[in-house]
Amino acid sequence: MAQVPYYDPRGSKVGVLEVDEKIFGEHTHLKLLHQVVISYEANQRQGTANTKDKGDVEGSSRKPWPQKHTGNARAGMIRSPIWRKGGIAQGPHPRDYRRRIPKGMRETALNGALLGKIRDSEVHVIETLNFQKPKTQEMRKILDTIGLNKSILIAVDAHDDNRWKSARNLERVDMAELRALNAYEVLRHKDLLLTKAAFEKLVSDRKGSVVGPKATKGK
């Protein structure tokens, strides 16, 4: 059983939650993770870069001088890429970079990313994360109390405006609904913080169960 630290709403550690890590798979498939991450990054590319080749730039297509007996190098047109203000040779043109990621690959990659985070003690669970109104300072205080001072992904069970607005201006802090969680976002951040409701749903969706919270030694 893997142990995940559990915190109260103020960010103080009160115990641990136990979960069978086998529900996330036997091991992390590194090659699959690499493939999925590359695909997610490719899908974010706009693919709108464009350049003009010699057929697109303005200028005459007439041969500037005879082929021979002038002492000049041979030239076919002033729009040639080797001429000033000529076209661009082999430049980029609009294209679609999207890659299809099958559902099974996405799920296996996400499970592998979560398994790695749990084994590296980078997954944290907080009882609730609710605000009566947007409070960025309060959110920062909670994260500091937990000890999360690097890049953080907060996963919640449902969208809440006050919660989202409390985190949106914090540097290197992102928030995502559980249904939108993917391997790319999990790996892109150092730590993963989940609400208890989100963690329980994450585990139950994988036919597992959460045990605890259990008090740690000294509590």
N, C-alpha and C. Protein backbone atom coordinates (compact mmCIF):
# COMPACT_ATOMS: atom_id res chain seq x y z
N MET A 1 0.84 -1.20 0.00
CA MET A 1 0.00 0.00 0.00
C MET A 1 0.88 1.25 0.00
N ALA A 2 0.54 2.18 -0.88
CA ALA A 2 1.27 3.44 -0.94
C ALA A 2 0.61 4.45 -0.01
N GLN A 3 1.42 5.27 0.63
CA GLN A 3 0.90 6.28 1.54
C GLN A 3 1.02 7.66 0.92
N VAL A 4 -0.08 8.42 1.00
CA VAL A 4 -0.13 9.77 0.44
C VAL A 4 -0.41 10.73 1.59
N PRO A 5 0.40 11.77 1.79
CA PRO A 5 0.18 12.70 2.90
C PRO A 5 -1.17 13.41 2.78
N TYR A 6 -1.81 13.59 3.93
CA TYR A 6 -3.16 14.16 3.99
C TYR A 6 -3.13 15.41 4.87
N TYR A 7 -3.75 16.49 4.39
CA TYR A 7 -3.69 17.78 5.08
C TYR A 7 -5.10 18.30 5.36
N ASP A 8 -5.21 19.10 6.43
CA ASP A 8 -6.50 19.73 6.74
C ASP A 8 -6.66 20.96 5.85
N PRO A 9 -7.83 21.64 5.87
CA PRO A 9 -8.06 22.79 4.97
C PRO A 9 -7.06 23.93 5.12
N ARG A 10 -6.36 23.98 6.26
CA ARG A 10 -5.37 25.06 6.46
C ARG A 10 -3.99 24.67 5.95
N GLY A 11 -3.80 23.39 5.59
CA GLY A 11 -2.52 22.94 5.06
C GLY A 11 -1.64 22.22 6.06
N SER A 12 -2.17 21.96 7.26
CA SER A 12 -1.39 21.24 8.26
C SER A 12 -1.57 19.73 8.06
N LYS A 13 -0.48 18.99 8.16
CA LYS A 13 -0.56 17.55 7.96
C LYS A 13 -1.23 16.88 9.14
N VAL A 14 -2.23 16.03 8.85
CA VAL A 14 -2.98 15.36 9.91
C VAL A 14 -2.87 13.85 9.82
N GLY A 15 -2.26 13.33 8.77
CA GLY A 15 -2.14 11.89 8.63
C GLY A 15 -1.80 11.50 7.21
N VAL A 16 -2.11 10.26 6.87
CA VAL A 16 -1.85 9.75 5.52
C VAL A 16 -3.06 8.97 5.02
N LEU A 17 -3.18 8.90 3.72
CA LEU A 17 -4.18 8.06 3.07
C LEU A 17 -3.44 6.91 2.40
N GLU A 18 -4.01 5.73 2.48
CA GLU A 18 -3.37 4.57 1.87
C GLU A 18 -4.16 4.11 0.66
N VAL A 19 -3.45 3.73 -0.37
CA VAL A 19 -4.08 3.26 -1.60
C VAL A 19 -3.19 2.19 -2.22
N ASP A 20 -3.80 1.21 -2.83
CA ASP A 20 -3.05 0.16 -3.51
C ASP A 20 -2.52 0.70 -4.82
N GLU A 21 -1.21 0.85 -4.93
CA GLU A 21 -0.63 1.46 -6.12
C GLU A 21 -0.78 0.59 -7.36
N LYS A 22 -1.17 -0.66 -7.20
CA LYS A 22 -1.32 -1.54 -8.35
C LYS A 22 -2.48 -1.14 -9.25
N ILE A 23 -3.40 -0.31 -8.74
CA ILE A 23 -4.51 0.13 -9.58
C ILE A 23 -4.04 1.07 -10.68
N PHE A 24 -2.82 1.61 -10.51
CA PHE A 24 -2.24 2.47 -11.53
C PHE A 24 -1.32 1.71 -12.49
N GLY A 25 -1.23 0.40 -12.30
CA GLY A 25 -0.37 -0.41 -13.17
C GLY A 25 0.82 -0.95 -12.40
N GLU A 26 1.49 -1.91 -13.04
CA GLU A 26 2.65 -2.53 -12.41
C GLU A 26 3.87 -1.62 -12.42
N HIS A 27 4.04 -0.87 -13.51
CA HIS A 27 5.20 0.02 -13.62
C HIS A 27 4.91 1.13 -14.61
N THR A 28 5.80 2.10 -14.66
CA THR A 28 5.65 3.23 -15.57
C THR A 28 6.31 2.92 -16.91
N HIS A 29 5.56 3.05 -18.00
CA HIS A 29 6.08 2.81 -19.34
C HIS A 29 6.73 4.11 -19.85
N LEU A 30 8.03 4.20 -19.73
CA LEU A 30 8.72 5.45 -20.06
C LEU A 30 8.61 5.79 -21.55
N LYS A 31 8.73 4.78 -22.42
CA LYS A 31 8.64 5.05 -23.85
C LYS A 31 7.24 5.54 -24.23
N LEU A 32 6.23 4.96 -23.60
CA LEU A 32 4.87 5.41 -23.86
C LEU A 32 4.66 6.84 -23.37
N LEU A 33 5.18 7.14 -22.18
CA LEU A 33 5.08 8.50 -21.65
C LEU A 33 5.73 9.50 -22.60
N HIS A 34 6.91 9.15 -23.10
CA HIS A 34 7.61 10.04 -24.03
C HIS A 34 6.78 10.27 -25.28
N GLN A 35 6.21 9.23 -25.81
CA GLN A 35 5.41 9.33 -27.03
C GLN A 35 4.17 10.20 -26.80
N VAL A 36 3.52 10.01 -25.67
CA VAL A 36 2.31 10.77 -25.37
C VAL A 36 2.63 12.24 -25.13
N VAL A 37 3.71 12.52 -24.41
CA VAL A 37 4.09 13.91 -24.15
C VAL A 37 4.43 14.63 -25.45
N ILE A 38 5.18 13.97 -26.33
CA ILE A 38 5.50 14.58 -27.62
C ILE A 38 4.23 14.86 -28.41
N SER A 39 3.26 13.96 -28.33
CA SER A 39 2.00 14.15 -29.05
C SER A 39 1.22 15.33 -28.48
N TYR A 40 1.17 15.45 -27.15
CA TYR A 40 0.47 16.58 -26.53
C TYR A 40 1.12 17.91 -26.94
N GLU A 41 2.43 17.95 -26.96
CA GLU A 41 3.13 19.17 -27.35
C GLU A 41 2.89 19.49 -28.82
N ALA A 42 2.88 18.47 -29.67
CA ALA A 42 2.63 18.69 -31.09
C ALA A 42 1.21 19.22 -31.30
N ASN A 43 0.26 18.74 -30.51
CA ASN A 43 -1.13 19.17 -30.67
C ASN A 43 -1.35 20.61 -30.24
N GLN A 44 -0.39 21.18 -29.53
CA GLN A 44 -0.51 22.58 -29.11
C GLN A 44 0.07 23.54 -30.15
N ARG A 45 0.75 23.02 -31.15
CA ARG A 45 1.35 23.87 -32.16
C ARG A 45 0.29 24.40 -33.12
N GLN A 46 0.39 25.67 -33.47
CA GLN A 46 -0.59 26.28 -34.36
C GLN A 46 -0.36 25.87 -35.82
N GLY A 47 0.90 25.74 -36.20
CA GLY A 47 1.20 25.36 -37.57
C GLY A 47 0.84 26.43 -38.59
N THR A 48 0.95 27.71 -38.19
CA THR A 48 0.58 28.80 -39.10
C THR A 48 1.79 29.51 -39.71
N ALA A 49 3.00 29.08 -39.40
CA ALA A 49 4.19 29.72 -39.96
C ALA A 49 4.19 29.59 -41.48
N ASN A 50 4.51 30.68 -42.17
CA ASN A 50 4.47 30.66 -43.63
C ASN A 50 5.54 31.58 -44.20
N THR A 51 6.13 31.19 -45.32
CA THR A 51 7.10 32.02 -46.03
C THR A 51 6.74 32.03 -47.51
N LYS A 52 7.24 33.02 -48.21
CA LYS A 52 6.98 33.13 -49.65
C LYS A 52 8.14 32.52 -50.43
N ASP A 53 7.81 31.61 -51.33
CA ASP A 53 8.86 31.09 -52.20
C ASP A 53 8.94 31.94 -53.45
N LYS A 54 9.75 31.56 -54.42
CA LYS A 54 9.99 32.41 -55.58
C LYS A 54 8.75 32.60 -56.44
N GLY A 55 7.75 31.76 -56.27
CA GLY A 55 6.51 31.93 -57.02
C GLY A 55 5.55 32.88 -56.36
N ASP A 56 5.85 33.31 -55.11
CA ASP A 56 4.93 34.17 -54.36
C ASP A 56 5.39 35.62 -54.27
N VAL A 57 6.71 35.87 -54.36
CA VAL A 57 7.19 37.25 -54.22
C VAL A 57 6.95 38.04 -55.50
N GLU A 58 6.93 39.36 -55.36
CA GLU A 58 6.73 40.22 -56.52
C GLU A 58 8.02 40.31 -57.33
N GLY A 59 7.87 40.51 -58.64
CA GLY A 59 9.04 40.66 -59.50
C GLY A 59 8.85 39.95 -60.83
N SER A 60 9.62 40.38 -61.79
CA SER A 60 9.50 39.80 -63.13
C SER A 60 10.07 38.38 -63.16
N SER A 61 9.52 37.59 -64.04
CA SER A 61 10.03 36.23 -64.26
C SER A 61 10.96 36.18 -65.48
N ARG A 62 11.24 37.36 -66.06
CA ARG A 62 12.12 37.42 -67.24
C ARG A 62 13.56 37.17 -66.83
N LYS A 63 14.28 36.50 -67.70
CA LYS A 63 15.70 36.26 -67.46
C LYS A 63 16.43 37.60 -67.48
N PRO A 64 17.17 37.94 -66.41
CA PRO A 64 17.75 39.30 -66.33
C PRO A 64 18.82 39.58 -67.39
N TRP A 65 19.57 38.59 -67.85
CA TRP A 65 20.56 38.77 -68.92
C TRP A 65 20.79 37.44 -69.63
N PRO A 66 21.39 37.47 -70.77
CA PRO A 66 21.62 36.22 -71.52
C PRO A 66 22.42 35.22 -70.69
N GLN A 67 22.24 33.95 -71.05
CA GLN A 67 22.89 32.89 -70.31
C GLN A 67 24.41 32.96 -70.41
N LYS A 68 24.92 33.32 -71.57
CA LYS A 68 26.37 33.28 -71.79
C LYS A 68 26.90 34.61 -72.34
N HIS A 69 28.24 34.73 -72.27
CA HIS A 69 28.99 35.82 -72.91
C HIS A 69 28.75 37.19 -72.29
N THR A 70 28.34 37.26 -71.01
CA THR A 70 28.19 38.56 -70.35
C THR A 70 29.21 38.74 -69.23
N GLY A 71 29.83 37.66 -68.81
CA GLY A 71 30.75 37.74 -67.68
C GLY A 71 30.06 37.61 -66.34
N ASN A 72 28.74 37.58 -66.35
CA ASN A 72 27.98 37.44 -65.09
C ASN A 72 27.64 35.97 -64.83
N ALA A 73 27.37 35.69 -63.59
CA ALA A 73 26.91 34.34 -63.25
C ALA A 73 25.53 34.12 -63.85
N ARG A 74 25.24 32.86 -64.13
CA ARG A 74 23.95 32.54 -64.72
C ARG A 74 22.81 32.88 -63.75
N ALA A 75 21.73 33.43 -64.28
CA ALA A 75 20.57 33.81 -63.46
C ALA A 75 19.31 33.58 -64.27
N GLY A 76 18.31 33.00 -63.60
CA GLY A 76 17.07 32.72 -64.30
C GLY A 76 16.00 33.77 -64.07
N MET A 77 15.94 34.33 -62.86
CA MET A 77 14.94 35.36 -62.55
C MET A 77 15.39 36.11 -61.31
N ILE A 78 14.88 37.31 -61.15
CA ILE A 78 15.28 38.12 -60.00
C ILE A 78 14.57 37.66 -58.72
N ARG A 79 13.60 36.77 -58.84
CA ARG A 79 12.88 36.27 -57.67
C ARG A 79 13.56 35.03 -57.07
N SER A 80 14.71 34.68 -57.62
CA SER A 80 15.44 33.51 -57.14
C SER A 80 15.81 33.67 -55.66
N PRO A 81 15.82 32.61 -54.88
CA PRO A 81 16.16 32.69 -53.46
C PRO A 81 17.56 33.25 -53.20
N ILE A 82 18.48 33.17 -54.17
CA ILE A 82 19.83 33.68 -53.95
C ILE A 82 19.93 35.18 -54.22
N TRP A 83 18.85 35.77 -54.69
CA TRP A 83 18.84 37.22 -54.94
C TRP A 83 18.23 37.95 -53.76
N ARG A 84 18.68 39.17 -53.53
CA ARG A 84 18.10 40.02 -52.50
C ARG A 84 16.62 40.26 -52.82
N LYS A 85 15.78 40.15 -51.83
CA LYS A 85 14.32 40.28 -51.94
C LYS A 85 13.70 39.16 -52.76
N GLY A 86 14.46 38.08 -52.93
CA GLY A 86 13.90 36.93 -53.63
C GLY A 86 13.09 36.04 -52.68
N GLY A 87 12.62 34.94 -53.20
CA GLY A 87 11.83 34.03 -52.39
C GLY A 87 12.67 33.27 -51.38
N ILE A 88 12.00 32.57 -50.48
CA ILE A 88 12.66 31.76 -49.46
C ILE A 88 12.71 30.32 -49.92
N ALA A 89 13.89 29.73 -49.88
CA ALA A 89 14.04 28.34 -50.31
C ALA A 89 13.71 27.39 -49.15
N GLN A 90 12.81 26.47 -49.38
CA GLN A 90 12.46 25.43 -48.43
C GLN A 90 12.02 25.98 -47.07
N GLY A 91 11.30 27.09 -47.09
CA GLY A 91 10.80 27.68 -45.85
C GLY A 91 9.55 26.99 -45.37
N PRO A 92 9.11 27.28 -44.15
CA PRO A 92 7.91 26.63 -43.60
C PRO A 92 6.63 27.12 -44.26
N HIS A 93 5.64 26.26 -44.30
CA HIS A 93 4.31 26.58 -44.81
C HIS A 93 3.28 26.01 -43.85
N PRO A 94 2.08 26.55 -43.85
CA PRO A 94 1.06 26.06 -42.91
C PRO A 94 0.88 24.54 -43.01
N ARG A 95 0.82 23.90 -41.83
CA ARG A 95 0.64 22.45 -41.79
C ARG A 95 -0.02 22.06 -40.48
N ASP A 96 -0.57 20.88 -40.44
CA ASP A 96 -1.22 20.37 -39.24
C ASP A 96 -0.27 19.42 -38.52
N TYR A 97 0.09 19.79 -37.30
CA TYR A 97 1.02 18.98 -36.51
C TYR A 97 0.31 17.97 -35.61
N ARG A 98 -1.01 17.97 -35.63
CA ARG A 98 -1.76 17.16 -34.68
C ARG A 98 -1.46 15.67 -34.84
N ARG A 99 -1.41 15.00 -33.68
CA ARG A 99 -1.24 13.56 -33.64
C ARG A 99 -2.39 12.96 -32.83
N ARG A 100 -2.94 11.90 -33.33
CA ARG A 100 -4.02 11.24 -32.61
C ARG A 100 -3.45 10.36 -31.51
N ILE A 101 -4.01 10.51 -30.30
CA ILE A 101 -3.58 9.70 -29.17
C ILE A 101 -4.75 8.79 -28.78
N PRO A 102 -4.67 7.50 -29.04
CA PRO A 102 -5.77 6.60 -28.68
C PRO A 102 -6.10 6.68 -27.19
N LYS A 103 -7.35 6.43 -26.86
CA LYS A 103 -7.81 6.53 -25.47
C LYS A 103 -7.01 5.61 -24.55
N GLY A 104 -6.73 4.39 -25.01
CA GLY A 104 -5.97 3.47 -24.17
C GLY A 104 -4.59 3.97 -23.85
N MET A 105 -3.95 4.60 -24.81
CA MET A 105 -2.61 5.16 -24.58
C MET A 105 -2.68 6.31 -23.58
N ARG A 106 -3.70 7.16 -23.73
CA ARG A 106 -3.85 8.30 -22.81
C ARG A 106 -4.03 7.81 -21.37
N GLU A 107 -4.89 6.82 -21.20
CA GLU A 107 -5.17 6.32 -19.86
C GLU A 107 -3.95 5.63 -19.24
N THR A 108 -3.26 4.82 -20.05
CA THR A 108 -2.07 4.12 -19.53
C THR A 108 -0.97 5.12 -19.18
N ALA A 109 -0.81 6.15 -20.01
CA ALA A 109 0.21 7.16 -19.74
C ALA A 109 -0.13 7.94 -18.47
N LEU A 110 -1.40 8.28 -18.29
CA LEU A 110 -1.81 9.01 -17.08
C LEU A 110 -1.57 8.16 -15.84
N ASN A 111 -1.95 6.90 -15.91
CA ASN A 111 -1.72 6.01 -14.77
C ASN A 111 -0.24 5.89 -14.44
N GLY A 112 0.59 5.78 -15.48
CA GLY A 112 2.03 5.69 -15.26
C GLY A 112 2.60 6.95 -14.64
N ALA A 113 2.11 8.11 -15.09
CA ALA A 113 2.56 9.38 -14.52
C ALA A 113 2.15 9.50 -13.06
N LEU A 114 0.92 9.10 -12.74
CA LEU A 114 0.44 9.16 -11.36
C LEU A 114 1.22 8.18 -10.47
N LEU A 115 1.49 7.00 -11.01
CA LEU A 115 2.25 6.01 -10.25
C LEU A 115 3.64 6.54 -9.91
N GLY A 116 4.29 7.16 -10.88
CA GLY A 116 5.61 7.73 -10.64
C GLY A 116 5.58 8.83 -9.61
N LYS A 117 4.55 9.68 -9.66
CA LYS A 117 4.42 10.77 -8.69
C LYS A 117 4.19 10.24 -7.28
N ILE A 118 3.37 9.20 -7.17
CA ILE A 118 3.11 8.62 -5.84
C ILE A 118 4.38 8.01 -5.28
N ARG A 119 5.11 7.28 -6.10
CA ARG A 119 6.34 6.65 -5.62
C ARG A 119 7.41 7.67 -5.28
N ASP A 120 7.37 8.84 -5.89
CA ASP A 120 8.35 9.89 -5.61
C ASP A 120 7.88 10.84 -4.52
N SER A 121 6.75 10.52 -3.88
CA SER A 121 6.19 11.35 -2.79
C SER A 121 5.88 12.76 -3.26
N GLU A 122 5.33 12.86 -4.47
CA GLU A 122 4.99 14.16 -5.04
C GLU A 122 3.49 14.36 -5.19
N VAL A 123 2.71 13.47 -4.58
CA VAL A 123 1.25 13.59 -4.58
C VAL A 123 0.80 13.94 -3.17
N HIS A 124 -0.08 14.94 -3.06
CA HIS A 124 -0.56 15.41 -1.76
C HIS A 124 -2.08 15.55 -1.84
N VAL A 125 -2.74 15.29 -0.73
CA VAL A 125 -4.20 15.38 -0.68
C VAL A 125 -4.61 16.33 0.44
N ILE A 126 -5.50 17.27 0.12
CA ILE A 126 -6.01 18.21 1.11
C ILE A 126 -7.51 17.96 1.29
N GLU A 127 -7.99 18.11 2.50
CA GLU A 127 -9.38 17.77 2.82
C GLU A 127 -10.35 18.55 1.93
N THR A 128 -10.25 19.86 1.96
CA THR A 128 -11.07 20.72 1.09
C THR A 128 -10.22 21.91 0.68
N LEU A 129 -10.66 22.57 -0.37
CA LEU A 129 -9.97 23.76 -0.86
C LEU A 129 -11.04 24.74 -1.35
N ASN A 130 -11.80 25.27 -0.37
CA ASN A 130 -12.93 26.14 -0.70
C ASN A 130 -12.68 27.54 -0.17
N PHE A 131 -13.19 28.54 -0.90
CA PHE A 131 -13.04 29.94 -0.53
C PHE A 131 -14.39 30.64 -0.68
N GLN A 132 -14.71 31.51 0.29
CA GLN A 132 -15.95 32.28 0.22
C GLN A 132 -15.88 33.32 -0.90
N LYS A 133 -14.67 33.80 -1.15
CA LYS A 133 -14.42 34.73 -2.24
C LYS A 133 -12.96 34.56 -2.67
N PRO A 134 -12.59 35.03 -3.85
CA PRO A 134 -11.20 34.85 -4.32
C PRO A 134 -10.18 35.42 -3.33
N LYS A 135 -9.23 34.57 -2.92
CA LYS A 135 -8.21 34.98 -1.96
C LYS A 135 -6.86 34.38 -2.37
N THR A 136 -6.11 35.12 -3.17
CA THR A 136 -4.83 34.62 -3.64
C THR A 136 -3.85 34.43 -2.49
N GLN A 137 -3.83 35.36 -1.56
CA GLN A 137 -2.91 35.26 -0.42
C GLN A 137 -3.23 34.04 0.44
N GLU A 138 -4.51 33.73 0.60
CA GLU A 138 -4.89 32.57 1.39
C GLU A 138 -4.46 31.27 0.70
N MET A 139 -4.61 31.24 -0.62
CA MET A 139 -4.17 30.06 -1.37
C MET A 139 -2.65 29.90 -1.24
N ARG A 140 -1.91 30.99 -1.36
CA ARG A 140 -0.46 30.94 -1.23
C ARG A 140 -0.05 30.47 0.16
N LYS A 141 -0.77 30.92 1.18
CA LYS A 141 -0.46 30.54 2.55
C LYS A 141 -0.66 29.04 2.75
N ILE A 142 -1.73 28.48 2.18
CA ILE A 142 -2.00 27.05 2.30
C ILE A 142 -0.89 26.24 1.63
N LEU A 143 -0.50 26.65 0.42
CA LEU A 143 0.55 25.93 -0.30
C LEU A 143 1.89 26.01 0.43
N ASP A 144 2.17 27.17 1.03
CA ASP A 144 3.42 27.32 1.78
C ASP A 144 3.41 26.46 3.04
N THR A 145 2.26 26.36 3.70
CA THR A 145 2.15 25.53 4.90
C THR A 145 2.40 24.06 4.57
N ILE A 146 1.87 23.62 3.43
CA ILE A 146 2.11 22.24 2.99
C ILE A 146 3.57 22.04 2.63
N GLY A 147 4.21 23.10 2.12
CA GLY A 147 5.61 22.99 1.70
C GLY A 147 5.75 22.87 0.20
N LEU A 148 4.74 23.33 -0.53
CA LEU A 148 4.78 23.28 -1.99
C LEU A 148 5.25 24.63 -2.51
N ASN A 149 6.51 24.68 -2.92
CA ASN A 149 7.07 25.95 -3.38
C ASN A 149 7.67 25.85 -4.78
N LYS A 150 7.38 24.74 -5.46
CA LYS A 150 7.83 24.60 -6.84
C LYS A 150 6.61 24.60 -7.75
N SER A 151 6.72 24.07 -8.95
CA SER A 151 5.56 24.06 -9.83
C SER A 151 4.52 23.08 -9.31
N ILE A 152 3.27 23.53 -9.30
CA ILE A 152 2.20 22.76 -8.66
C ILE A 152 1.00 22.65 -9.61
N LEU A 153 0.44 21.46 -9.67
CA LEU A 153 -0.83 21.24 -10.37
C LEU A 153 -1.86 20.86 -9.32
N ILE A 154 -2.93 21.65 -9.25
CA ILE A 154 -4.02 21.39 -8.31
C ILE A 154 -5.15 20.73 -9.08
N ALA A 155 -5.51 19.51 -8.68
CA ALA A 155 -6.60 18.78 -9.33
C ALA A 155 -7.81 18.78 -8.42
N VAL A 156 -8.95 19.21 -8.96
CA VAL A 156 -10.18 19.29 -8.18
C VAL A 156 -11.27 18.47 -8.85
N ASP A 157 -12.29 18.12 -8.08
CA ASP A 157 -13.36 17.28 -8.63
C ASP A 157 -14.32 18.07 -9.50
N ALA A 158 -14.46 19.38 -9.25
CA ALA A 158 -15.37 20.21 -10.04
C ALA A 158 -14.87 21.65 -10.05
N HIS A 159 -15.27 22.38 -11.07
CA HIS A 159 -14.82 23.77 -11.21
C HIS A 159 -15.51 24.66 -10.18
N ASP A 160 -14.74 25.59 -9.61
CA ASP A 160 -15.27 26.56 -8.66
C ASP A 160 -14.58 27.89 -8.93
N ASP A 161 -15.36 28.93 -9.22
CA ASP A 161 -14.78 30.22 -9.61
C ASP A 161 -13.86 30.80 -8.54
N ASN A 162 -14.30 30.79 -7.29
CA ASN A 162 -13.49 31.37 -6.22
C ASN A 162 -12.16 30.63 -6.06
N ARG A 163 -12.21 29.33 -6.17
CA ARG A 163 -11.00 28.51 -6.05
C ARG A 163 -10.06 28.78 -7.22
N TRP A 164 -10.63 28.84 -8.42
CA TRP A 164 -9.82 29.06 -9.61
C TRP A 164 -9.18 30.45 -9.60
N LYS A 165 -9.97 31.47 -9.22
CA LYS A 165 -9.45 32.83 -9.20
C LYS A 165 -8.41 33.02 -8.10
N SER A 166 -8.48 32.21 -7.05
CA SER A 166 -7.49 32.31 -5.97
C SER A 166 -6.13 31.78 -6.40
N ALA A 167 -6.11 30.92 -7.42
CA ALA A 167 -4.85 30.30 -7.84
C ALA A 167 -4.30 30.85 -9.15
N ARG A 168 -5.11 31.54 -9.93
CA ARG A 168 -4.70 31.87 -11.30
C ARG A 168 -3.53 32.85 -11.38
N ASN A 169 -3.35 33.69 -10.34
CA ASN A 169 -2.26 34.67 -10.40
C ASN A 169 -0.99 34.20 -9.68
N LEU A 170 -1.00 32.98 -9.19
CA LEU A 170 0.18 32.45 -8.51
C LEU A 170 1.14 31.87 -9.55
N GLU A 171 2.41 32.21 -9.40
CA GLU A 171 3.41 31.74 -10.34
C GLU A 171 3.61 30.23 -10.22
N ARG A 172 3.66 29.57 -11.36
CA ARG A 172 3.91 28.13 -11.46
C ARG A 172 2.85 27.29 -10.72
N VAL A 173 1.64 27.82 -10.66
CA VAL A 173 0.52 27.08 -10.07
C VAL A 173 -0.60 27.00 -11.11
N ASP A 174 -1.02 25.79 -11.43
CA ASP A 174 -2.12 25.58 -12.37
C ASP A 174 -3.19 24.73 -11.71
N MET A 175 -4.42 24.87 -12.23
CA MET A 175 -5.53 24.10 -11.68
C MET A 175 -6.26 23.40 -12.81
N ALA A 176 -6.69 22.18 -12.57
CA ALA A 176 -7.40 21.40 -13.59
C ALA A 176 -8.47 20.56 -12.94
N GLU A 177 -9.57 20.40 -13.65
CA GLU A 177 -10.60 19.47 -13.20
C GLU A 177 -10.11 18.05 -13.40
N LEU A 178 -10.58 17.15 -12.57
CA LEU A 178 -10.12 15.76 -12.62
C LEU A 178 -10.39 15.14 -13.98
N ARG A 179 -11.53 15.46 -14.60
CA ARG A 179 -11.88 14.87 -15.88
C ARG A 179 -10.96 15.33 -17.01
N ALA A 180 -10.25 16.44 -16.80
CA ALA A 180 -9.34 16.96 -17.82
C ALA A 180 -7.88 16.63 -17.53
N LEU A 181 -7.64 15.86 -16.47
CA LEU A 181 -6.27 15.53 -16.09
C LEU A 181 -5.62 14.64 -17.15
N ASN A 182 -4.38 14.94 -17.49
CA ASN A 182 -3.66 14.12 -18.47
C ASN A 182 -2.20 13.99 -18.07
N ALA A 183 -1.53 13.04 -18.70
CA ALA A 183 -0.14 12.73 -18.35
C ALA A 183 0.78 13.93 -18.57
N TYR A 184 0.54 14.70 -19.61
CA TYR A 184 1.40 15.84 -19.92
C TYR A 184 1.39 16.85 -18.78
N GLU A 185 0.20 17.21 -18.29
CA GLU A 185 0.10 18.20 -17.21
C GLU A 185 0.67 17.65 -15.91
N VAL A 186 0.45 16.37 -15.64
CA VAL A 186 0.99 15.77 -14.41
C VAL A 186 2.51 15.81 -14.42
N LEU A 187 3.13 15.47 -15.55
CA LEU A 187 4.58 15.43 -15.63
C LEU A 187 5.20 16.82 -15.71
N ARG A 188 4.44 17.78 -16.20
CA ARG A 188 4.97 19.14 -16.38
C ARG A 188 5.16 19.87 -15.06
N HIS A 189 4.51 19.39 -14.02
CA HIS A 189 4.59 20.02 -12.70
C HIS A 189 5.34 19.12 -11.73
N LYS A 190 5.99 19.74 -10.78
CA LYS A 190 6.76 18.99 -9.78
C LYS A 190 5.83 18.25 -8.82
N ASP A 191 4.82 18.95 -8.29
CA ASP A 191 3.93 18.36 -7.29
C ASP A 191 2.49 18.36 -7.78
N LEU A 192 1.75 17.38 -7.30
CA LEU A 192 0.33 17.26 -7.61
C LEU A 192 -0.46 17.32 -6.31
N LEU A 193 -1.36 18.30 -6.21
CA LEU A 193 -2.21 18.46 -5.02
C LEU A 193 -3.66 18.19 -5.43
N LEU A 194 -4.29 17.25 -4.75
CA LEU A 194 -5.68 16.91 -5.03
C LEU A 194 -6.55 17.16 -3.81
N THR A 195 -7.78 17.56 -4.03
CA THR A 195 -8.74 17.59 -2.94
C THR A 195 -9.11 16.14 -2.61
N LYS A 196 -9.60 15.92 -1.40
CA LYS A 196 -9.94 14.55 -0.98
C LYS A 196 -11.02 13.96 -1.90
N ALA A 197 -11.99 14.79 -2.29
CA ALA A 197 -13.05 14.30 -3.18
C ALA A 197 -12.48 13.89 -4.53
N ALA A 198 -11.54 14.67 -5.02
CA ALA A 198 -10.93 14.36 -6.32
C ALA A 198 -10.09 13.09 -6.23
N PHE A 199 -9.35 12.94 -5.12
CA PHE A 199 -8.51 11.76 -4.97
C PHE A 199 -9.35 10.49 -4.85
N GLU A 200 -10.43 10.57 -4.10
CA GLU A 200 -11.31 9.40 -3.94
C GLU A 200 -11.94 9.00 -5.28
N LYS A 201 -12.33 9.99 -6.07
CA LYS A 201 -12.91 9.69 -7.38
C LYS A 201 -11.85 9.12 -8.32
N LEU A 202 -10.63 9.67 -8.24
CA LEU A 202 -9.54 9.17 -9.07
C LEU A 202 -9.29 7.69 -8.79
N VAL A 203 -9.32 7.33 -7.52
CA VAL A 203 -9.06 5.94 -7.13
C VAL A 203 -10.26 5.04 -7.46
N SER A 204 -11.46 5.52 -7.17
CA SER A 204 -12.66 4.69 -7.41
C SER A 204 -12.86 4.43 -8.90
N ASP A 205 -12.49 5.38 -9.75
CA ASP A 205 -12.59 5.18 -11.20
C ASP A 205 -11.69 4.04 -11.67
N ARG A 206 -10.68 3.72 -10.86
CA ARG A 206 -9.75 2.65 -11.20
C ARG A 206 -10.02 1.39 -10.36
N LYS A 207 -11.25 1.31 -9.84
CA LYS A 207 -11.71 0.14 -9.08
C LYS A 207 -10.90 -0.06 -7.79
N GLY A 208 -10.44 1.03 -7.22
CA GLY A 208 -9.70 0.95 -5.97
C GLY A 208 -10.44 1.65 -4.86
N SER A 209 -9.84 1.69 -3.69
CA SER A 209 -10.46 2.35 -2.55
C SER A 209 -9.38 3.04 -1.72
N VAL A 210 -9.78 4.10 -1.05
CA VAL A 210 -8.87 4.88 -0.21
C VAL A 210 -9.07 4.47 1.25
N VAL A 211 -7.97 4.19 1.91
CA VAL A 211 -8.01 3.80 3.33
C VAL A 211 -7.50 4.96 4.18
N GLY A 212 -8.25 5.34 5.15
CA GLY A 212 -7.81 6.42 6.03
C GLY A 212 -8.75 7.61 5.98
N PRO A 213 -8.32 8.73 6.55
CA PRO A 213 -6.94 9.03 6.93
C PRO A 213 -6.48 8.32 8.21
N LYS A 214 -5.18 8.00 8.22
CA LYS A 214 -4.56 7.41 9.38
C LYS A 214 -3.56 8.39 9.95
N ALA A 215 -3.58 8.53 11.28
CA ALA A 215 -2.64 9.44 11.93
C ALA A 215 -1.22 8.93 11.81
N THR A 216 -0.30 9.83 11.58
CA THR A 216 1.12 9.45 11.51
C THR A 216 1.70 9.40 12.91
N LYS A 217 2.86 8.81 13.03
CA LYS A 217 3.53 8.69 14.33
C LYS A 217 3.81 10.07 14.89
N GLY A 218 3.54 10.23 16.17
CA GLY A 218 3.79 11.50 16.82
C GLY A 218 2.58 12.39 16.83
N LYS A 219 1.51 11.96 16.12
CA LYS A 219 0.30 12.75 16.10
C LYS A 219 -0.61 12.35 17.25
